[in-house]
C-alpha atoms as a PDB file:
ATOM      1  CA  UNK A   1      -3.395 -30.968  30.048  1.00  0.00           C
ATOM      2  CA  UNK A   2      -2.757 -31.557  26.370  1.00  0.00           C
ATOM      3  CA  UNK A   3      -3.811 -29.265  23.546  1.00  0.00           C
ATOM      4  CA  UNK A   4      -3.330 -29.228  19.806  1.00  0.00           C
ATOM      5  CA  UNK A   5      -1.817 -26.397  17.812  1.00  0.00           C
ATOM      6  CA  UNK A   6      -3.205 -23.135  19.103  1.00  0.00           C
ATOM      7  CA  UNK A   7      -5.572 -22.591  21.986  1.00  0.00           C
ATOM      8  CA  UNK A   8      -8.904 -21.657  20.510  1.00  0.00           C
ATOM      9  CA  UNK A   9      -8.190 -17.950  20.902  1.00  0.00           C
ATOM     10  CA  UNK A  10      -6.405 -17.062  17.656  1.00  0.00           C
ATOM     11  CA  UNK A  11      -7.415 -17.008  13.987  1.00  0.00           C
ATOM     12  CA  UNK A  12      -7.405 -20.476  12.462  1.00  0.00           C
ATOM     13  CA  UNK A  13      -6.593 -22.207  15.765  1.00  0.00           C
ATOM     14  CA  UNK A  14      -9.614 -24.471  15.452  1.00  0.00           C
ATOM     15  CA  UNK A  15      -8.091 -25.920  12.292  1.00  0.00           C
ATOM     16  CA  UNK A  16      -4.450 -25.743  13.324  1.00  0.00           C
ATOM     17  CA  UNK A  17      -3.660 -22.930  10.850  1.00  0.00           C
ATOM     18  CA  UNK A  18      -1.436 -20.057  11.936  1.00  0.00           C
ATOM     19  CA  UNK A  19      -2.454 -19.415  15.536  1.00  0.00           C
ATOM     20  CA  UNK A  20      -1.238 -16.002  16.621  1.00  0.00           C
ATOM     21  CA  UNK A  21      -0.112 -16.727  20.167  1.00  0.00           C
ATOM     22  CA  UNK A  22       3.531 -16.095  21.091  1.00  0.00           C
ATOM     23  CA  UNK A  23       4.134 -13.951  17.997  1.00  0.00           C
ATOM     24  CA  UNK A  24       4.836 -10.528  19.551  1.00  0.00           C
ATOM     25  CA  UNK A  25       8.258  -9.140  18.708  1.00  0.00           C
ATOM     26  CA  UNK A  26      10.930 -10.281  21.135  1.00  0.00           C
ATOM     27  CA  UNK A  27      13.245  -7.380  20.246  1.00  0.00           C
ATOM     28  CA  UNK A  28      11.299  -4.436  21.694  1.00  0.00           C
ATOM     29  CA  UNK A  29      11.506  -3.471  25.345  1.00  0.00           C
ATOM     30  CA  UNK A  30      12.204   0.249  24.966  1.00  0.00           C
ATOM     31  CA  UNK A  31      10.262   2.422  22.521  1.00  0.00           C
ATOM     32  CA  UNK A  32      10.745   5.786  20.839  1.00  0.00           C
ATOM     33  CA  UNK A  33       7.696   7.026  18.916  1.00  0.00           C
ATOM     34  CA  UNK A  34       8.128  10.059  16.667  1.00  0.00           C
ATOM     35  CA  UNK A  35       5.356  11.804  14.780  1.00  0.00           C
ATOM     36  CA  UNK A  36       6.005  11.762  11.037  1.00  0.00           C
ATOM     37  CA  UNK A  37       3.217  12.270   8.468  1.00  0.00           C
ATOM     38  CA  UNK A  38       4.830  10.155   5.752  1.00  0.00           C
ATOM     39  CA  UNK A  39       5.437   8.883   3.240  1.00  0.00           C
ATOM     40  CA  UNK A  40       7.295   6.195   5.149  1.00  0.00           C
ATOM     41  CA  UNK A  41      10.071   4.182   3.511  1.00  0.00           C
ATOM     42  CA  UNK A  42       9.896   0.392   3.525  1.00  0.00           C
ATOM     43  CA  UNK A  43      12.310   0.341   6.481  1.00  0.00           C
ATOM     44  CA  UNK A  44      12.391   3.144   9.044  1.00  0.00           C
ATOM     45  CA  UNK A  45      16.189   2.991   8.998  1.00  0.00           C
ATOM     46  CA  UNK A  46      16.032   4.303   5.417  1.00  0.00           C
ATOM     47  CA  UNK A  47      14.202   7.490   6.394  1.00  0.00           C
ATOM     48  CA  UNK A  48      15.985  10.493   4.888  1.00  0.00           C
ATOM     49  CA  UNK A  49      14.089  13.432   6.332  1.00  0.00           C
ATOM     50  CA  UNK A  50      13.511  15.521   8.232  1.00  0.00           C
ATOM     51  CA  UNK A  51      17.146  15.174   9.258  1.00  0.00           C
ATOM     52  CA  UNK A  52      16.602  15.334  13.043  1.00  0.00           C
ATOM     53  CA  UNK A  53      13.962  12.604  12.875  1.00  0.00           C
ATOM     54  CA  UNK A  54      16.053  10.357  10.642  1.00  0.00           C
ATOM     55  CA  UNK A  55      19.014  10.870  12.952  1.00  0.00           C
ATOM     56  CA  UNK A  56      16.921   9.991  16.023  1.00  0.00           C
ATOM     57  CA  UNK A  57      15.676   6.799  14.362  1.00  0.00           C
ATOM     58  CA  UNK A  58      19.215   5.626  13.638  1.00  0.00           C
ATOM     59  CA  UNK A  59      20.433   6.632  17.096  1.00  0.00           C
ATOM     60  CA  UNK A  60      17.580   4.737  18.728  1.00  0.00           C
ATOM     61  CA  UNK A  61      18.368   1.583  16.790  1.00  0.00           C
ATOM     62  CA  UNK A  62      22.034   1.862  17.696  1.00  0.00           C
ATOM     63  CA  UNK A  63      21.104   2.191  21.369  1.00  0.00           C
ATOM     64  CA  UNK A  64      18.808  -0.838  21.375  1.00  0.00           C
ATOM     65  CA  UNK A  65      15.587   1.183  21.403  1.00  0.00           C
ATOM     66  CA  UNK A  66      12.790   0.383  18.948  1.00  0.00           C
ATOM     67  CA  UNK A  67      11.842   3.446  16.874  1.00  0.00           C
ATOM     68  CA  UNK A  68       8.354   3.771  15.444  1.00  0.00           C
ATOM     69  CA  UNK A  69       7.096   6.542  13.205  1.00  0.00           C
ATOM     70  CA  UNK A  70       3.552   7.544  14.093  1.00  0.00           C
ATOM     71  CA  UNK A  71       0.845   9.732  12.583  1.00  0.00           C
ATOM     72  CA  UNK A  72      -2.757  10.560  13.241  1.00  0.00           C
ATOM     73  CA  UNK A  73      -5.425   8.696  11.259  1.00  0.00           C
ATOM     74  CA  UNK A  74      -6.984  10.889   8.603  1.00  0.00           C
ATOM     75  CA  UNK A  75      -5.757  14.465   8.392  1.00  0.00           C
ATOM     76  CA  UNK A  76      -2.149  14.924   9.579  1.00  0.00           C
ATOM     77  CA  UNK A  77      -0.069  17.921  10.458  1.00  0.00           C
ATOM     78  CA  UNK A  78       3.059  18.332   8.392  1.00  0.00           C
ATOM     79  CA  UNK A  79       4.879  20.993  10.416  1.00  0.00           C
ATOM     80  CA  UNK A  80       6.080  21.165  14.043  1.00  0.00           C
ATOM     81  CA  UNK A  81       5.318  20.665  16.848  1.00  0.00           C
ATOM     82  CA  UNK A  82       6.169  16.979  16.742  1.00  0.00           C
ATOM     83  CA  UNK A  83       4.654  14.553  19.227  1.00  0.00           C
ATOM     84  CA  UNK A  84       7.225  12.209  20.752  1.00  0.00           C
ATOM     85  CA  UNK A  85       6.760   9.352  23.210  1.00  0.00           C
ATOM     86  CA  UNK A  86       9.295   7.209  25.046  1.00  0.00           C
ATOM     87  CA  UNK A  87       8.285   4.055  26.861  1.00  0.00           C
ATOM     88  CA  UNK A  88       9.514   0.888  28.514  1.00  0.00           C
ATOM     89  CA  UNK A  89       7.614  -2.404  28.536  1.00  0.00           C
ATOM     90  CA  UNK A  90      10.363  -4.729  29.699  1.00  0.00           C
ATOM     91  CA  UNK A  91      10.170  -4.476  33.478  1.00  0.00           C
ATOM     92  CA  UNK A  92       7.704  -4.996  36.275  1.00  0.00           C
ATOM     93  CA  UNK A  93       6.569  -1.399  35.898  1.00  0.00           C
ATOM     94  CA  UNK A  94       5.671  -0.427  32.341  1.00  0.00           C
ATOM     95  CA  UNK A  95       5.668   3.300  31.678  1.00  0.00           C
ATOM     96  CA  UNK A  96       5.401   5.885  28.952  1.00  0.00           C
ATOM     97  CA  UNK A  97       6.169   9.587  28.807  1.00  0.00           C
ATOM     98  CA  UNK A  98       5.733  12.137  26.081  1.00  0.00           C
ATOM     99  CA  UNK A  99       5.511  15.735  24.951  1.00  0.00           C
ATOM    100  CA  UNK A 100       5.382  17.853  21.855  1.00  0.00           C
ATOM    101  CA  UNK A 101       8.679  19.218  20.578  1.00  0.00           C
ATOM    102  CA  UNK A 102       8.534  22.626  18.951  1.00  0.00           C
ATOM    103  CA  UNK A 103      11.883  21.893  17.315  1.00  0.00           C
ATOM    104  CA  UNK A 104      12.637  18.323  16.136  1.00  0.00           C
ATOM    105  CA  UNK A 105      16.317  19.020  16.717  1.00  0.00           C
ATOM    106  CA  UNK A 106      15.565  18.570  20.434  1.00  0.00           C
ATOM    107  CA  UNK A 107      15.405  14.828  19.727  1.00  0.00           C
ATOM    108  CA  UNK A 108      19.191  14.831  19.793  1.00  0.00           C
ATOM    109  CA  UNK A 109      19.097  15.676  23.502  1.00  0.00           C
ATOM    110  CA  UNK A 110      17.277  12.497  24.551  1.00  0.00           C
ATOM    111  CA  UNK A 111      19.274  10.024  26.627  1.00  0.00           C
ATOM    112  CA  UNK A 112      18.625   6.910  24.562  1.00  0.00           C
ATOM    113  CA  UNK A 113      21.059   4.788  26.576  1.00  0.00           C
ATOM    114  CA  UNK A 114      18.951   5.498  29.653  1.00  0.00           C
ATOM    115  CA  UNK A 115      15.792   4.578  27.738  1.00  0.00           C
ATOM    116  CA  UNK A 116      17.330   1.291  26.616  1.00  0.00           C
ATOM    117  CA  UNK A 117      18.024   0.517  30.278  1.00  0.00           C
ATOM    118  CA  UNK A 118      14.438   1.289  31.295  1.00  0.00           C
ATOM    119  CA  UNK A 119      15.001   4.812  32.618  1.00  0.00           C
ATOM    120  CA  UNK A 120      13.564   8.128  31.506  1.00  0.00           C
ATOM    121  CA  UNK A 121      15.409   9.726  28.582  1.00  0.00           C
ATOM    122  CA  UNK A 122      14.382  13.161  29.841  1.00  0.00           C
ATOM    123  CA  UNK A 123      11.363  13.592  27.595  1.00  0.00           C
ATOM    124  CA  UNK A 124       8.756  14.624  30.152  1.00  0.00           C
ATOM    125  CA  UNK A 125       6.345  13.457  32.802  1.00  0.00           C
ATOM    126  CA  UNK A 126       4.961   9.947  32.738  1.00  0.00           C
ATOM    127  CA  UNK A 127       1.510   9.661  31.211  1.00  0.00           C
ATOM    128  CA  UNK A 128      -1.556   8.080  32.739  1.00  0.00           C
ATOM    129  CA  UNK A 129      -3.158   7.280  29.381  1.00  0.00           C
ATOM    130  CA  UNK A 130      -1.916   4.540  27.067  1.00  0.00           C
ATOM    131  CA  UNK A 131      -0.767   4.908  23.474  1.00  0.00           C
ATOM    132  CA  UNK A 132      -2.498   2.657  20.946  1.00  0.00           C
ATOM    133  CA  UNK A 133      -0.618   1.854  17.743  1.00  0.00           C
ATOM    134  CA  UNK A 134      -2.222   0.380  14.623  1.00  0.00           C
ATOM    135  CA  UNK A 135       0.207  -0.735  11.925  1.00  0.00           C
ATOM    136  CA  UNK A 136      -0.629   1.017   8.647  1.00  0.00           C
ATOM    137  CA  UNK A 137       2.750   0.694   6.928  1.00  0.00           C
ATOM    138  CA  UNK A 138       1.650   0.043   3.372  1.00  0.00           C
ATOM    139  CA  UNK A 139       5.085   0.334   1.787  1.00  0.00           C
ATOM    140  CA  UNK A 140       6.315  -2.470   4.048  1.00  0.00           C
ATOM    141  CA  UNK A 141       3.239  -4.635   3.425  1.00  0.00           C
ATOM    142  CA  UNK A 142       0.130  -3.671   1.469  1.00  0.00           C
ATOM    143  CA  UNK A 143      -2.146  -5.611   3.832  1.00  0.00           C
ATOM    144  CA  UNK A 144      -1.132  -3.360   6.715  1.00  0.00           C
ATOM    145  CA  UNK A 145      -2.419  -0.293   4.877  1.00  0.00           C
ATOM    146  CA  UNK A 146      -5.492  -2.059   3.537  1.00  0.00           C
ATOM    147  CA  UNK A 147      -6.613  -3.347   6.939  1.00  0.00           C
ATOM    148  CA  UNK A 148      -4.753  -1.117   9.390  1.00  0.00           C
ATOM    149  CA  UNK A 149      -5.652   2.350   8.114  1.00  0.00           C
ATOM    150  CA  UNK A 150      -9.442   1.754   8.228  1.00  0.00           C
ATOM    151  CA  UNK A 151      -9.106   0.177  11.670  1.00  0.00           C
ATOM    152  CA  UNK A 152      -7.145   3.164  12.973  1.00  0.00           C
ATOM    153  CA  UNK A 153      -9.794   5.571  11.683  1.00  0.00           C
ATOM    154  CA  UNK A 154     -12.539   3.514  13.285  1.00  0.00           C
ATOM    155  CA  UNK A 155     -10.773   3.337  16.647  1.00  0.00           C
ATOM    156  CA  UNK A 156      -9.965   7.052  16.607  1.00  0.00           C
ATOM    157  CA  UNK A 157     -13.682   7.732  16.373  1.00  0.00           C
ATOM    158  CA  UNK A 158     -14.079   6.226  19.829  1.00  0.00           C
ATOM    159  CA  UNK A 159     -10.687   6.474  21.540  1.00  0.00           C
ATOM    160  CA  UNK A 160      -9.654   9.753  19.901  1.00  0.00           C
ATOM    161  CA  UNK A 161      -6.145  10.973  20.767  1.00  0.00           C
ATOM    162  CA  UNK A 162      -4.983   7.628  22.146  1.00  0.00           C
ATOM    163  CA  UNK A 163      -4.837   6.146  18.629  1.00  0.00           C
ATOM    164  CA  UNK A 164      -1.985   6.476  16.130  1.00  0.00           C
ATOM    165  CA  UNK A 165      -1.072   4.818  12.855  1.00  0.00           C
ATOM    166  CA  UNK A 166       2.462   3.424  12.942  1.00  0.00           C
ATOM    167  CA  UNK A 167       5.200   1.787  10.932  1.00  0.00           C
ATOM    168  CA  UNK A 168       5.888  -1.956  10.829  1.00  0.00           C
ATOM    169  CA  UNK A 169       5.416  -3.714  14.179  1.00  0.00           C
ATOM    170  CA  UNK A 170       6.106  -7.288  13.008  1.00  0.00           C
ATOM    171  CA  UNK A 171       3.742 -10.065  12.004  1.00  0.00           C
ATOM    172  CA  UNK A 172       2.336  -8.752   8.724  1.00  0.00           C
ATOM    173  CA  UNK A 173       0.358 -11.972   8.245  1.00  0.00           C
ATOM    174  CA  UNK A 174      -1.731 -10.985  11.301  1.00  0.00           C
ATOM    175  CA  UNK A 175      -2.822  -7.609   9.921  1.00  0.00           C
ATOM    176  CA  UNK A 176      -4.561  -5.614  11.202  1.00  0.00           C
ATOM    177  CA  UNK A 177      -2.198  -5.380  14.173  1.00  0.00           C
ATOM    178  CA  UNK A 178      -2.635  -3.384  17.371  1.00  0.00           C
ATOM    179  CA  UNK A 179       0.054  -2.626  19.972  1.00  0.00           C
ATOM    180  CA  UNK A 180      -0.992  -1.306  23.381  1.00  0.00           C
ATOM    181  CA  UNK A 181       1.700   0.706  25.120  1.00  0.00           C
ATOM    182  CA  UNK A 182       3.274   0.941  27.601  1.00  0.00           C
ATOM    183  CA  UNK A 183       2.830  -2.794  28.271  1.00  0.00           C
ATOM    184  CA  UNK A 184       3.696  -3.823  24.711  1.00  0.00           C
ATOM    185  CA  UNK A 185       0.636  -6.038  24.234  1.00  0.00           C
ATOM    186  CA  UNK A 186       0.230  -7.242  20.647  1.00  0.00           C
ATOM    187  CA  UNK A 187      -3.099  -8.198  19.076  1.00  0.00           C
ATOM    188  CA  UNK A 188      -3.574  -9.408  15.508  1.00  0.00           C
ATOM    189  CA  UNK A 189      -6.152 -10.198  12.826  1.00  0.00           C
ATOM    190  CA  UNK A 190      -8.435  -7.527  14.220  1.00  0.00           C
ATOM    191  CA  UNK A 191     -11.683  -6.004  13.112  1.00  0.00           C
ATOM    192  CA  UNK A 192     -13.148  -2.959  14.907  1.00  0.00           C
ATOM    193  CA  UNK A 193     -15.264  -5.030  17.302  1.00  0.00           C
ATOM    194  CA  UNK A 194     -12.367  -7.206  18.463  1.00  0.00           C
ATOM    195  CA  UNK A 195     -10.017  -4.229  18.618  1.00  0.00           C
ATOM    196  CA  UNK A 196     -12.413  -2.246  20.779  1.00  0.00           C
ATOM    197  CA  UNK A 197     -12.795  -5.228  23.102  1.00  0.00           C
ATOM    198  CA  UNK A 198      -9.004  -5.488  23.446  1.00  0.00           C
ATOM    199  CA  UNK A 199      -8.673  -1.767  24.181  1.00  0.00           C
ATOM    200  CA  UNK A 200     -11.547  -1.739  26.659  1.00  0.00           C
ATOM    201  CA  UNK A 201      -9.854  -4.586  28.516  1.00  0.00           C
ATOM    202  CA  UNK A 202      -6.507  -2.780  28.475  1.00  0.00           C
ATOM    203  CA  UNK A 203      -8.042   0.379  29.883  1.00  0.00           C
ATOM    204  CA  UNK A 204      -9.365  -1.598  32.839  1.00  0.00           C
ATOM    205  CA  UNK A 205      -6.033  -3.385  33.356  1.00  0.00           C
ATOM    206  CA  UNK A 206      -6.750  -6.699  31.656  1.00  0.00           C
ATOM    207  CA  UNK A 207      -6.061  -8.660  28.492  1.00  0.00           C
ATOM    208  CA  UNK A 208      -8.463 -10.524  26.271  1.00  0.00           C
ATOM    209  CA  UNK A 209      -7.215 -13.834  24.918  1.00  0.00           C
ATOM    210  CA  UNK A 210      -9.017 -13.572  21.604  1.00  0.00           C
ATOM    211  CA  UNK A 211      -6.386 -12.462  19.035  1.00  0.00           C
ATOM    212  CA  UNK A 212      -3.737 -11.849  21.697  1.00  0.00           C
ATOM    213  CA  UNK A 213      -0.306 -12.298  20.089  1.00  0.00           C
ATOM    214  CA  UNK A 214       1.713 -11.791  23.270  1.00  0.00           C
ATOM    215  CA  UNK A 215       3.796  -9.195  25.059  1.00  0.00           C
ATOM    216  CA  UNK A 216       6.762  -7.563  23.337  1.00  0.00           C
ATOM    217  CA  UNK A 217      10.275  -8.069  24.626  1.00  0.00           C
ATOM    218  CA  UNK A 218       9.656 -11.529  26.034  1.00  0.00           C
ATOM    219  CA  UNK A 219      10.904 -14.825  24.558  1.00  0.00           C
ATOM    220  CA  UNK A 220       8.317 -16.638  22.505  1.00  0.00           C
ATOM    221  CA  UNK A 221       8.133 -19.684  24.830  1.00  0.00           C
ATOM    222  CA  UNK A 222       7.470 -17.316  27.750  1.00  0.00           C
ATOM    223  CA  UNK A 223       4.686 -15.636  25.808  1.00  0.00           C
ATOM    224  CA  UNK A 224       3.166 -19.024  25.031  1.00  0.00           C
ATOM    225  CA  UNK A 225       3.442 -20.281  28.615  1.00  0.00           C
ATOM    226  CA  UNK A 226       1.738 -17.166  29.948  1.00  0.00           C
ATOM    227  CA  UNK A 227      -1.012 -17.512  27.374  1.00  0.00           C
ATOM    228  CA  UNK A 228      -1.770 -21.157  28.198  1.00  0.00           C
ATOM    229  CA  UNK A 229      -1.806 -20.479  31.942  1.00  0.00           C
ATOM    230  CA  UNK A 230      -4.210 -17.592  31.423  1.00  0.00           C
ATOM    231  CA  UNK A 231      -6.445 -19.872  29.361  1.00  0.00           C
ATOM    232  CA  UNK A 232      -6.353 -22.520  32.091  1.00  0.00           C
ATOM    233  CA  UNK A 233      -6.887 -20.235  35.086  1.00  0.00           C
ATOM    234  CA  UNK A 234      -9.067 -17.575  33.508  1.00  0.00           C
ATOM    235  CA  UNK A 235      -6.885 -14.844  35.014  1.00  0.00           C
ATOM    236  CA  UNK A 236      -6.847 -11.804  32.743  1.00  0.00           C
ATOM    237  CA  UNK A 237      -5.329  -9.074  34.923  1.00  0.00           C
ATOM    238  CA  UNK A 238      -2.199  -7.578  33.385  1.00  0.00           C
ATOM    239  CA  UNK A 239       0.144  -8.175  36.291  1.00  0.00           C
ATOM    240  CA  UNK A 240      -1.343 -11.305  37.850  1.00  0.00           C
ATOM    241  CA  UNK A 241       0.512 -13.854  35.716  1.00  0.00           C
ATOM    242  CA  UNK A 242       4.332 -13.890  35.794  1.00  0.00           C
ATOM    243  CA  UNK A 243       6.666 -16.227  33.915  1.00  0.00           C
ATOM    244  CA  UNK A 244       9.446 -16.978  36.397  1.00  0.00           C
ATOM    245  CA  UNK A 245      11.656 -19.123  34.184  1.00  0.00           C
ATOM    246  CA  UNK A 246      11.912 -20.884  30.831  1.00  0.00           C
ATOM    247  CA  UNK A 247      14.441 -23.637  30.126  1.00  0.00           C
ATOM    248  CA  UNK A 248      15.119 -25.886  27.142  1.00  0.00           C
ATOM    249  CA  UNK A 249      15.638 -25.368  23.433  1.00  0.00           C
ATOM    250  CA  UNK A 250      13.213 -27.519  21.442  1.00  0.00           C
ATOM    251  CA  UNK A 251      11.117 -28.803  24.335  1.00  0.00           C
ATOM    252  CA  UNK A 252      10.596 -25.978  26.784  1.00  0.00           C
ATOM    253  CA  UNK A 253       9.746 -26.052  30.454  1.00  0.00           C
ATOM    254  CA  UNK A 254       8.325 -22.913  32.029  1.00  0.00           C
ATOM    255  CA  UNK A 255       7.388 -22.021  35.588  1.00  0.00           C
ATOM    256  CA  UNK A 256       4.541 -19.530  35.771  1.00  0.00           C
ATOM    257  CA  UNK A 257       3.271 -17.829  38.911  1.00  0.00           C
ATOM    258  CA  UNK A 258      -0.364 -16.808  39.369  1.00  0.00           C
ATOM    259  CA  UNK A 259      -0.465 -14.953  42.689  1.00  0.00           C
ATOM    260  CA  UNK A 260       0.368 -17.644  45.266  1.00  0.00           C
ATOM    261  CA  UNK A 261       0.179 -20.590  42.844  1.00  0.00           C
ATOM    262  CA  UNK A 262       2.929 -21.812  40.519  1.00  0.00           C
ATOM    263  CA  UNK A 263       2.435 -23.873  37.383  1.00  0.00           C
ATOM    264  CA  UNK A 264       4.780 -26.073  35.375  1.00  0.00           C
ATOM    265  CA  UNK A 265       4.202 -25.805  31.628  1.00  0.00           C
ATOM    266  CA  UNK A 266       5.777 -28.072  29.010  1.00  0.00           C
ATOM    267  CA  UNK A 267       5.791 -26.572  25.513  1.00  0.00           C
ATOM    268  CA  UNK A 268       6.844 -27.696  22.071  1.00  0.00           C
ATOM    269  CA  UNK A 269       7.570 -25.567  19.024  1.00  0.00           C
ATOM    270  CA  UNK A 270       5.333 -26.206  16.028  1.00  0.00           C
ATOM    271  CA  UNK A 271       6.068 -25.038  12.488  1.00  0.00           C
ATOM    272  CA  UNK A 272       3.175 -23.424  10.650  1.00  0.00           C
ATOM    273  CA  UNK A 273       2.494 -23.472   6.913  1.00  0.00           C
ATOM    274  CA  UNK A 274       4.124 -20.661   4.952  1.00  0.00           C
ATOM    275  CA  UNK A 275       1.948 -17.595   4.543  1.00  0.00           C
ATOM    276  CA  UNK A 276       2.918 -17.156   0.891  1.00  0.00           C
ATOM    277  CA  UNK A 277       5.798 -17.194  -1.620  1.00  0.00           C
ATOM    278  CA  UNK A 278       8.873 -15.442  -0.293  1.00  0.00           C
ATOM    279  CA  UNK A 279       7.409 -15.053   3.190  1.00  0.00           C
ATOM    280  CA  UNK A 280      10.165 -14.110   5.616  1.00  0.00           C
ATOM    281  CA  UNK A 281       8.004 -14.131   8.724  1.00  0.00           C
ATOM    282  CA  UNK A 282       8.657 -16.338  11.723  1.00  0.00           C
ATOM    283  CA  UNK A 283       6.112 -19.135  11.212  1.00  0.00           C
ATOM    284  CA  UNK A 284       6.695 -20.965  14.479  1.00  0.00           C
ATOM    285  CA  UNK A 285       4.003 -21.361  17.098  1.00  0.00           C
ATOM    286  CA  UNK A 286       3.720 -23.464  20.264  1.00  0.00           C
ATOM    287  CA  UNK A 287       1.619 -26.251  21.665  1.00  0.00           C
ATOM    288  CA  UNK A 288       1.348 -27.206  25.324  1.00  0.00           C
ATOM    289  CA  UNK A 289       1.748 -30.875  26.243  1.00  0.00           C
ATOM    290  CA  UNK A 290       1.528 -30.561  30.010  1.00  0.00           C
ATOM    291  CA  UNK A 291       0.280 -27.989  32.498  1.00  0.00           C
ATOM    292  CA  UNK A 292       0.357 -28.921  36.186  1.00  0.00           C
ATOM    293  CA  UNK A 293       0.109 -27.151  39.498  1.00  0.00           C
ATOM    294  CA  UNK A 294       3.474 -27.518  41.189  1.00  0.00           C
ATOM    295  CA  UNK A 295       3.615 -29.595  44.390  1.00  0.00           C
ATOM    296  CA  UNK A 296       0.155 -30.939  43.762  1.00  0.00           C
ATOM    297  CA  UNK A 297      -1.428 -33.553  41.545  1.00  0.00           C
ATOM    298  CA  UNK A 298      -1.836 -32.795  37.859  1.00  0.00           C
ATOM    299  CA  UNK A 299      -4.881 -30.647  37.241  1.00  0.00           C
ATOM    300  CA  UNK A 300      -5.958 -32.390  34.066  1.00  0.00           C
END
């Protein structure tokens, strides 16, 4: 099977312009979310107060945990308690736990090394409901506030307490961005209708391929290989498709399992046009040049 740039499921993919697949951050497997009403600095590492929150952000980064500041859309509380979540999206079992802290100084007692390794930091019981993050970090990128804040308000009207505004998640050019935790699914270039469809799918244990950027914490070629196999097989369940291996550097070969079947996927990196002057975003995407069922004849 041979395809051009993109897969028909991302903005601009029909013209070869900036498809969003395989663009989820590869650096986030463990997450620490801390309620903070703002204003947020351009970089969370530059947060100066409250002191316990700023200290927790720096400690999380030092431990290899991704910190995100979060706040409710619309009216926000400015005094404790502080809602805190910890989650892990890097293993076979994604999980998230959380509780409100009456005293933010209790953040210092979290075992962030354990969280980085995929274990509970001692925050509380694991939660059954997901956490839905919409990037609204205007000081980092004005488009995130312009598109993300209205989207968060719209989604909160339906999904209520599951929805939070958050600081930069990566991929500003895909604003408005949505991250579904604990699995770390990224969606981009969303309007309310597409965002609701993505969340509805997530709540029933599936993905939608429209505007799916990928899954955080996984190498970009692995994200792309999973995406193309899902397109080919039509399998949308969260845990049905597993990337077993990726080899290569400029031409990648991936082996992807779908239940009892295994597929060989050959990928190539494709550079996209710059999104604007001074753009520092990763502009690489991927095209698939071959997708075959292993041990059988080529499917296409």
